[in-house]
């Protein structure tokens, strides 16, 4: 594994938000939360805490559904097909459902609001990371084959060194998770959350 320099490393947390994971959130209401995803905040938060304790940086992406002129969420056609339960108020900017999960309270330095899979697409994430002197990324969150994979590939195109936290990510099924990780090994290292914690000690 690539040697960690905490001061040039950022943890990027993809979409660990209440509407995806919390009881009463949109995906809970739609019965679309996997047990693997539920386990992520408790694994990722210690990595964030340890990295920050050594001068590292933590950024989070927050999936956002913006309202149209009638106040209805503008949902892309493919997402509407996949998640027909999404409704007015879900992932609304600044709402409780839009917020990062409670386990990340006090740990996130910068959040970017995104409308597509990648945390880099139409956000200021790259600008923030460059200004913060970041050259290496640890990536965690949901889903491995969606937001995580897209963010990792966009980071690779921007010449960051990337490590995907294999047990800090989840997909709808373990098979999809494993296939995505295998594919991402062409552009990123893969390590466990414990590997990172050990490397920071």
Protein backbone atom coordinates (compact mmCIF):
# COMPACT_ATOMS: atom_id res chain seq x y z
CA UNK A 1 0.00 0.00 0.00
CA UNK A 2 1.09 3.57 -0.75
CA UNK A 3 2.73 5.22 2.29
CA UNK A 4 0.36 7.70 3.90
CA UNK A 5 1.30 11.32 4.43
CA UNK A 6 -1.68 12.61 6.42
CA UNK A 7 -1.07 16.25 5.57
CA UNK A 8 -1.44 15.61 1.84
CA UNK A 9 -4.24 13.05 2.18
CA UNK A 10 -8.01 13.55 2.12
CA UNK A 11 -10.75 11.10 2.94
CA UNK A 12 -13.60 11.50 0.46
CA UNK A 13 -16.88 10.20 1.89
CA UNK A 14 -19.43 9.55 -0.82
CA UNK A 15 -23.10 10.11 0.04
CA UNK A 16 -23.30 8.81 3.62
CA UNK A 17 -26.48 10.83 4.12
CA UNK A 18 -29.60 10.43 6.20
CA UNK A 19 -31.89 9.97 3.20
CA UNK A 20 -29.75 7.04 2.09
CA UNK A 21 -29.13 5.39 5.47
CA UNK A 22 -31.10 6.74 8.42
CA UNK A 23 -34.41 5.39 9.73
CA UNK A 24 -37.18 7.46 8.21
CA UNK A 25 -35.00 8.53 5.29
CA UNK A 26 -36.02 8.17 1.65
CA UNK A 27 -34.25 4.86 1.03
CA UNK A 28 -35.45 3.41 4.34
CA UNK A 29 -38.99 4.32 3.30
CA UNK A 30 -38.40 2.63 -0.07
CA UNK A 31 -36.84 -0.46 1.56
CA UNK A 32 -33.69 0.10 -0.50
CA UNK A 33 -30.96 0.16 2.19
CA UNK A 34 -28.62 -2.84 2.34
CA UNK A 35 -27.22 -4.17 5.60
CA UNK A 36 -23.75 -3.62 4.15
CA UNK A 37 -24.46 0.09 3.69
CA UNK A 38 -25.82 0.41 7.22
CA UNK A 39 -22.46 -0.78 8.58
CA UNK A 40 -20.39 1.88 6.82
CA UNK A 41 -20.64 4.95 9.10
CA UNK A 42 -19.24 3.04 12.09
CA UNK A 43 -16.26 1.91 9.97
CA UNK A 44 -15.57 5.16 8.15
CA UNK A 45 -15.87 7.59 11.08
CA UNK A 46 -12.78 6.23 12.92
CA UNK A 47 -10.71 6.66 9.76
CA UNK A 48 -11.91 10.27 9.46
CA UNK A 49 -11.12 10.92 13.13
CA UNK A 50 -7.64 9.38 12.91
CA UNK A 51 -6.78 11.23 9.69
CA UNK A 52 -7.91 14.58 11.08
CA UNK A 53 -5.93 13.99 14.27
CA UNK A 54 -2.78 13.93 12.15
CA UNK A 55 -3.58 16.99 10.06
CA UNK A 56 -5.46 15.31 7.23
CA UNK A 57 -8.57 16.54 5.44
CA UNK A 58 -12.08 15.11 5.19
CA UNK A 59 -14.52 15.97 2.41
CA UNK A 60 -18.01 14.60 1.88
CA UNK A 61 -20.30 14.58 -1.13
CA UNK A 62 -24.03 15.00 -0.65
CA UNK A 63 -26.38 13.83 -3.38
CA UNK A 64 -28.90 16.59 -4.03
CA UNK A 65 -32.29 16.75 -5.73
CA UNK A 66 -33.02 20.32 -6.73
CA UNK A 67 -36.64 21.48 -7.07
CA UNK A 68 -38.23 22.68 -10.28
CA UNK A 69 -40.46 25.76 -10.53
CA UNK A 70 -43.32 23.80 -8.93
CA UNK A 71 -41.17 22.57 -6.05
CA UNK A 72 -40.98 19.00 -7.39
CA UNK A 73 -37.56 17.28 -7.35
CA UNK A 74 -35.77 17.13 -10.69
CA UNK A 75 -34.97 13.42 -10.87
CA UNK A 76 -33.08 11.98 -13.83
CA UNK A 77 -35.12 9.43 -15.83
CA UNK A 78 -32.81 6.49 -15.02
CA UNK A 79 -32.97 7.24 -11.28
CA UNK A 80 -36.75 7.62 -11.39
CA UNK A 81 -36.97 4.14 -12.95
CA UNK A 82 -34.65 2.65 -10.33
CA UNK A 83 -36.09 4.49 -7.32
CA UNK A 84 -39.76 5.27 -7.98
CA UNK A 85 -40.30 5.99 -4.27
CA UNK A 86 -38.31 9.25 -4.38
CA UNK A 87 -40.63 12.14 -3.57
CA UNK A 88 -40.82 15.86 -2.86
CA UNK A 89 -38.45 16.80 -0.06
CA UNK A 90 -36.10 13.84 -0.49
CA UNK A 91 -32.44 14.90 -0.70
CA UNK A 92 -33.56 18.54 -0.66
CA UNK A 93 -30.61 20.89 -0.16
CA UNK A 94 -30.15 21.74 3.50
CA UNK A 95 -32.78 19.29 4.77
CA UNK A 96 -32.27 16.71 7.51
CA UNK A 97 -32.38 13.94 4.92
CA UNK A 98 -29.74 15.68 2.82
CA UNK A 99 -27.34 15.96 5.77
CA UNK A 100 -24.39 13.68 6.43
CA UNK A 101 -25.13 10.88 8.90
CA UNK A 102 -24.66 11.68 12.59
CA UNK A 103 -21.53 9.52 12.87
CA UNK A 104 -19.71 12.13 10.74
CA UNK A 105 -20.69 15.11 12.92
CA UNK A 106 -17.66 17.31 13.53
CA UNK A 107 -15.45 15.30 11.18
CA UNK A 108 -16.18 16.79 7.73
CA UNK A 109 -14.12 19.82 6.69
CA UNK A 110 -15.95 20.48 3.41
CA UNK A 111 -19.13 19.10 1.85
CA UNK A 112 -19.92 19.40 -1.84
CA UNK A 113 -23.42 19.02 -3.23
CA UNK A 114 -23.61 16.81 -6.29
CA UNK A 115 -26.28 15.88 -8.81
CA UNK A 116 -24.66 12.86 -10.48
CA UNK A 117 -22.48 9.90 -9.52
CA UNK A 118 -19.08 11.57 -9.35
CA UNK A 119 -18.19 13.94 -6.51
CA UNK A 120 -16.09 15.87 -9.03
CA UNK A 121 -18.83 16.45 -11.63
CA UNK A 122 -20.01 20.08 -11.52
CA UNK A 123 -18.67 20.62 -7.98
CA UNK A 124 -15.73 22.55 -6.51
CA UNK A 125 -14.13 19.46 -4.96
CA UNK A 126 -11.00 19.50 -7.11
CA UNK A 127 -10.44 23.23 -6.42
CA UNK A 128 -10.79 22.67 -2.67
CA UNK A 129 -8.43 19.69 -2.63
CA UNK A 130 -5.77 21.50 -4.65
CA UNK A 131 -5.97 24.55 -2.37
CA UNK A 132 -5.64 22.26 0.66
CA UNK A 133 -2.46 20.72 -0.78
CA UNK A 134 -4.01 17.27 -1.24
CA UNK A 135 -2.42 14.75 -3.59
CA UNK A 136 -3.71 11.44 -2.19
CA UNK A 137 -7.30 10.34 -1.64
CA UNK A 138 -8.95 7.68 0.47
CA UNK A 139 -12.42 6.99 -0.91
CA UNK A 140 -15.35 5.47 0.98
CA UNK A 141 -19.14 5.50 0.78
CA UNK A 142 -21.97 4.38 -1.45
CA UNK A 143 -22.33 2.79 -3.81
CA UNK A 144 -19.13 1.00 -4.81
CA UNK A 145 -20.22 0.55 -8.42
CA UNK A 146 -21.82 4.01 -8.68
CA UNK A 147 -20.71 7.14 -6.85
CA UNK A 148 -17.52 5.57 -5.52
CA UNK A 149 -16.39 4.16 -8.86
CA UNK A 150 -17.21 7.36 -10.76
CA UNK A 151 -15.40 9.52 -8.22
CA UNK A 152 -12.35 7.25 -8.25
CA UNK A 153 -12.10 7.35 -12.03
CA UNK A 154 -12.49 11.13 -12.11
CA UNK A 155 -9.81 11.43 -9.44
CA UNK A 156 -7.52 9.21 -11.50
CA UNK A 157 -8.00 11.52 -14.49
CA UNK A 158 -6.88 14.40 -12.24
CA UNK A 159 -3.67 12.60 -11.17
CA UNK A 160 -4.52 11.95 -7.53
CA UNK A 161 -3.17 8.84 -5.87
CA UNK A 162 -6.25 6.89 -4.76
CA UNK A 163 -6.95 4.18 -2.21
CA UNK A 164 -10.43 2.69 -2.05
CA UNK A 165 -11.52 1.49 1.39
CA UNK A 166 -12.86 -1.96 0.55
CA UNK A 167 -14.90 -2.32 3.76
CA UNK A 168 -15.72 1.39 3.78
CA UNK A 169 -17.88 1.00 0.65
CA UNK A 170 -20.95 -1.01 -0.20
CA UNK A 171 -23.03 -1.89 -3.26
CA UNK A 172 -26.55 -3.31 -3.60
CA UNK A 173 -25.09 -6.84 -3.50
CA UNK A 174 -21.74 -8.28 -2.38
CA UNK A 175 -21.12 -9.57 -5.91
CA UNK A 176 -21.54 -6.08 -7.37
CA UNK A 177 -19.23 -4.68 -4.68
CA UNK A 178 -16.51 -7.26 -5.39
CA UNK A 179 -16.74 -6.78 -9.16
CA UNK A 180 -16.43 -2.99 -8.80
CA UNK A 181 -13.40 -3.28 -6.53
CA UNK A 182 -11.70 -5.68 -8.94
CA UNK A 183 -12.31 -3.25 -11.78
CA UNK A 184 -11.04 -0.23 -9.81
CA UNK A 185 -7.71 -1.89 -9.07
CA UNK A 186 -6.56 -0.74 -12.51
CA UNK A 187 -6.59 2.88 -11.26
CA UNK A 188 -6.45 2.67 -7.46
CA UNK A 189 -5.07 0.78 -4.50
CA UNK A 190 -7.53 -1.14 -2.33
CA UNK A 191 -7.15 -1.38 1.46
CA UNK A 192 -9.28 -2.00 4.53
CA UNK A 193 -10.23 0.65 7.05
CA UNK A 194 -8.01 -1.14 9.57
CA UNK A 195 -5.08 -1.00 7.14
CA UNK A 196 -5.46 2.79 7.03
CA UNK A 197 -5.77 3.08 10.80
CA UNK A 198 -2.63 0.98 11.22
CA UNK A 199 -0.82 3.15 8.66
CA UNK A 200 -1.76 6.30 10.57
CA UNK A 201 -0.39 5.00 13.86
